[in-house]
Amino acid sequence: MLGGTLPALFRPEAPAKVSQRTLTFAERVAYQRAIEEVYWRHRIWPKQRPDPKPSLDAVISQAQLEKKVEDHLLNSQALEDY
């Protein structure tokens, strides 16, 4: 009954085209900033805090973002070398 459809479910997909372009450090920092923005927007601000939730810029500096990206790159390189 399912004989004709079942093999189609297990058929391997065509290989996806993978881009070999390397991101610049500035692009990586910009993307990390976007990720942090999403995290910050979804973070619940405690009701016990009378002050409003600050902007992301007040919580994390550009230097901290750059350091985070640099650390990720160093860890990735160390893992690749290992």
N, C-alpha and C. Protein backbone atom coordinates (compact mmCIF):
# COMPACT_ATOMS: atom_id res chain seq x y z
N MET A 1 0.81 -1.18 0.00
CA MET A 1 0.00 0.00 0.00
C MET A 1 0.86 1.26 0.00
N LEU A 2 1.91 1.29 0.79
CA LEU A 2 2.81 2.44 0.83
C LEU A 2 4.06 2.20 0.00
N GLY A 3 4.10 1.11 -0.71
CA GLY A 3 5.29 0.73 -1.45
C GLY A 3 5.83 1.79 -2.38
N GLY A 4 4.95 2.54 -3.04
CA GLY A 4 5.41 3.54 -3.99
C GLY A 4 5.87 4.83 -3.33
N THR A 5 5.34 5.14 -2.16
CA THR A 5 5.69 6.42 -1.52
C THR A 5 6.82 6.29 -0.52
N LEU A 6 6.98 5.15 0.08
CA LEU A 6 8.00 4.99 1.11
C LEU A 6 9.42 5.22 0.61
N PRO A 7 9.81 4.65 -0.53
CA PRO A 7 11.18 4.92 -1.00
C PRO A 7 11.43 6.39 -1.27
N ALA A 8 10.40 7.11 -1.68
CA ALA A 8 10.58 8.54 -1.94
C ALA A 8 10.93 9.29 -0.66
N LEU A 9 10.46 8.81 0.47
CA LEU A 9 10.76 9.47 1.74
C LEU A 9 12.23 9.34 2.13
N PHE A 10 12.86 8.26 1.69
CA PHE A 10 14.24 8.01 2.08
C PHE A 10 15.24 8.35 0.98
N ARG A 11 14.76 8.93 -0.09
CA ARG A 11 15.64 9.29 -1.19
C ARG A 11 16.54 10.45 -0.73
N PRO A 12 17.84 10.34 -0.93
CA PRO A 12 18.72 11.44 -0.51
C PRO A 12 18.43 12.70 -1.31
N GLU A 13 18.48 13.82 -0.63
CA GLU A 13 18.27 15.11 -1.29
C GLU A 13 19.45 15.43 -2.19
N ALA A 14 19.21 16.26 -3.17
CA ALA A 14 20.29 16.73 -4.02
C ALA A 14 21.23 17.57 -3.16
N PRO A 15 22.53 17.46 -3.38
CA PRO A 15 23.46 18.22 -2.56
C PRO A 15 23.21 19.72 -2.69
N ALA A 16 23.16 20.38 -1.55
CA ALA A 16 22.95 21.83 -1.54
C ALA A 16 24.23 22.53 -1.99
N LYS A 17 24.06 23.63 -2.68
CA LYS A 17 25.22 24.41 -3.09
C LYS A 17 25.72 25.19 -1.87
N VAL A 18 26.95 24.98 -1.51
CA VAL A 18 27.53 25.62 -0.34
C VAL A 18 28.46 26.73 -0.80
N SER A 19 28.25 27.89 -0.25
CA SER A 19 29.09 29.04 -0.60
C SER A 19 30.41 28.94 0.15
N GLN A 20 31.47 29.22 -0.53
CA GLN A 20 32.79 29.17 0.09
C GLN A 20 33.28 30.56 0.51
N ARG A 21 32.40 31.56 0.42
CA ARG A 21 32.78 32.92 0.76
C ARG A 21 33.02 33.02 2.26
N THR A 22 34.10 33.67 2.64
CA THR A 22 34.43 33.88 4.05
C THR A 22 33.92 35.25 4.47
N LEU A 23 33.28 35.29 5.63
CA LEU A 23 32.79 36.56 6.15
C LEU A 23 33.94 37.40 6.68
N THR A 24 33.82 38.69 6.51
CA THR A 24 34.82 39.58 7.10
C THR A 24 34.56 39.69 8.59
N PHE A 25 35.55 40.20 9.29
CA PHE A 25 35.39 40.37 10.74
C PHE A 25 34.23 41.34 11.02
N ALA A 26 34.13 42.41 10.26
CA ALA A 26 33.05 43.40 10.46
C ALA A 26 31.68 42.76 10.22
N GLU A 27 31.58 41.89 9.21
CA GLU A 27 30.31 41.20 8.95
C GLU A 27 29.97 40.28 10.11
N ARG A 28 30.96 39.58 10.62
CA ARG A 28 30.73 38.68 11.74
C ARG A 28 30.25 39.45 12.97
N VAL A 29 30.85 40.60 13.22
CA VAL A 29 30.44 41.42 14.36
C VAL A 29 29.01 41.91 14.15
N ALA A 30 28.67 42.32 12.94
CA ALA A 30 27.32 42.78 12.65
C ALA A 30 26.29 41.66 12.85
N TYR A 31 26.63 40.47 12.41
CA TYR A 31 25.72 39.33 12.60
C TYR A 31 25.60 38.97 14.08
N GLN A 32 26.72 39.03 14.80
CA GLN A 32 26.67 38.74 16.23
C GLN A 32 25.79 39.76 16.94
N ARG A 33 25.88 41.02 16.51
CA ARG A 33 25.04 42.08 17.09
C ARG A 33 23.57 41.78 16.85
N ALA A 34 23.24 41.30 15.66
CA ALA A 34 21.85 40.95 15.35
C ALA A 34 21.37 39.79 16.22
N ILE A 35 22.24 38.81 16.45
CA ILE A 35 21.90 37.68 17.31
C ILE A 35 21.66 38.16 18.74
N GLU A 36 22.56 39.00 19.24
CA GLU A 36 22.42 39.52 20.59
C GLU A 36 21.14 40.34 20.73
N GLU A 37 20.79 41.07 19.68
CA GLU A 37 19.56 41.87 19.69
C GLU A 37 18.33 40.98 19.86
N VAL A 38 18.31 39.86 19.15
CA VAL A 38 17.19 38.92 19.28
C VAL A 38 17.15 38.35 20.70
N TYR A 39 18.30 37.92 21.21
CA TYR A 39 18.34 37.41 22.58
C TYR A 39 17.83 38.45 23.56
N TRP A 40 18.27 39.68 23.41
CA TRP A 40 17.90 40.75 24.35
C TRP A 40 16.41 41.07 24.27
N ARG A 41 15.86 41.10 23.06
CA ARG A 41 14.43 41.38 22.89
C ARG A 41 13.58 40.32 23.57
N HIS A 42 14.05 39.08 23.59
CA HIS A 42 13.27 37.99 24.17
C HIS A 42 13.57 37.75 25.65
N ARG A 43 14.51 38.48 26.18
CA ARG A 43 14.82 38.33 27.60
C ARG A 43 13.73 39.01 28.43
N ILE A 44 13.22 38.30 29.40
CA ILE A 44 12.17 38.84 30.26
C ILE A 44 12.80 39.76 31.29
N TRP A 45 12.23 40.95 31.44
CA TRP A 45 12.72 41.91 32.42
C TRP A 45 11.95 41.68 33.71
N PRO A 46 12.65 41.51 34.86
CA PRO A 46 11.98 41.19 36.12
C PRO A 46 10.98 42.27 36.54
N LYS A 47 9.84 41.82 37.02
CA LYS A 47 8.82 42.76 37.48
C LYS A 47 9.27 43.52 38.73
N GLN A 48 10.21 42.94 39.48
CA GLN A 48 10.72 43.58 40.69
C GLN A 48 11.57 44.80 40.38
N ARG A 49 12.05 44.90 39.14
CA ARG A 49 12.89 46.04 38.76
C ARG A 49 12.00 47.19 38.34
N PRO A 50 12.06 48.30 39.05
CA PRO A 50 11.20 49.44 38.71
C PRO A 50 11.66 50.17 37.44
N ASP A 51 12.94 50.07 37.12
CA ASP A 51 13.47 50.77 35.95
C ASP A 51 13.11 50.02 34.67
N PRO A 52 12.96 50.73 33.56
CA PRO A 52 12.66 50.05 32.29
C PRO A 52 13.88 49.27 31.80
N LYS A 53 13.60 48.30 30.98
CA LYS A 53 14.66 47.49 30.39
C LYS A 53 15.53 48.39 29.52
N PRO A 54 16.85 48.40 29.74
CA PRO A 54 17.73 49.26 28.94
C PRO A 54 17.88 48.73 27.51
N SER A 55 18.40 49.57 26.66
CA SER A 55 18.67 49.14 25.28
C SER A 55 19.86 48.19 25.29
N LEU A 56 20.01 47.44 24.24
CA LEU A 56 21.14 46.53 24.13
C LEU A 56 22.45 47.30 24.15
N ASP A 57 22.46 48.47 23.53
CA ASP A 57 23.68 49.29 23.50
C ASP A 57 24.15 49.68 24.90
N ALA A 58 23.22 49.79 25.84
CA ALA A 58 23.58 50.13 27.21
C ALA A 58 24.12 48.92 27.97
N VAL A 59 23.88 47.74 27.42
CA VAL A 59 24.26 46.50 28.12
C VAL A 59 25.55 45.90 27.58
N ILE A 60 25.77 46.00 26.28
CA ILE A 60 26.96 45.41 25.67
C ILE A 60 27.60 46.42 24.72
N SER A 61 28.88 46.58 24.86
CA SER A 61 29.60 47.56 24.03
C SER A 61 30.07 46.92 22.73
N GLN A 62 30.47 47.76 21.81
CA GLN A 62 31.03 47.29 20.54
C GLN A 62 32.29 46.47 20.80
N ALA A 63 33.10 46.90 21.75
CA ALA A 63 34.33 46.18 22.08
C ALA A 63 34.01 44.78 22.62
N GLN A 64 32.96 44.66 23.42
CA GLN A 64 32.56 43.34 23.94
C GLN A 64 32.08 42.43 22.80
N LEU A 65 31.33 42.99 21.87
CA LEU A 65 30.89 42.20 20.71
C LEU A 65 32.08 41.71 19.91
N GLU A 66 33.03 42.62 19.65
CA GLU A 66 34.22 42.25 18.89
C GLU A 66 35.02 41.18 19.61
N LYS A 67 35.13 41.29 20.92
CA LYS A 67 35.87 40.29 21.72
C LYS A 67 35.17 38.93 21.63
N LYS A 68 33.85 38.94 21.68
CA LYS A 68 33.09 37.70 21.60
C LYS A 68 33.32 37.02 20.24
N VAL A 69 33.29 37.79 19.17
CA VAL A 69 33.53 37.25 17.82
C VAL A 69 34.96 36.73 17.72
N GLU A 70 35.90 37.50 18.23
CA GLU A 70 37.30 37.08 18.21
C GLU A 70 37.49 35.76 18.96
N ASP A 71 36.87 35.64 20.13
CA ASP A 71 36.96 34.40 20.91
C ASP A 71 36.37 33.22 20.15
N HIS A 72 35.22 33.44 19.49
CA HIS A 72 34.61 32.38 18.68
C HIS A 72 35.54 31.94 17.57
N LEU A 73 36.16 32.90 16.90
CA LEU A 73 37.08 32.57 15.81
C LEU A 73 38.30 31.80 16.32
N LEU A 74 38.84 32.23 17.45
CA LEU A 74 40.00 31.54 18.03
C LEU A 74 39.64 30.12 18.44
N ASN A 75 38.46 29.95 19.05
CA ASN A 75 38.02 28.61 19.47
C ASN A 75 37.77 27.73 18.26
N SER A 76 37.18 28.28 17.21
CA SER A 76 36.95 27.51 15.99
C SER A 76 38.26 27.07 15.35
N GLN A 77 39.23 27.97 15.33
CA GLN A 77 40.53 27.61 14.76
C GLN A 77 41.22 26.55 15.60
N ALA A 78 41.15 26.67 16.92
CA ALA A 78 41.75 25.67 17.80
C ALA A 78 41.11 24.30 17.59
N LEU A 79 39.79 24.28 17.44
CA LEU A 79 39.08 23.03 17.21
C LEU A 79 39.48 22.43 15.86
N GLU A 80 39.58 23.27 14.85
CA GLU A 80 39.98 22.78 13.52
C GLU A 80 41.41 22.24 13.56
N ASP A 81 42.32 22.93 14.27
CA ASP A 81 43.69 22.46 14.38
C ASP A 81 43.79 21.15 15.13
N TYR A 82 42.92 20.97 16.12
CA TYR A 82 42.92 19.75 16.91
C TYR A 82 42.48 18.58 16.06
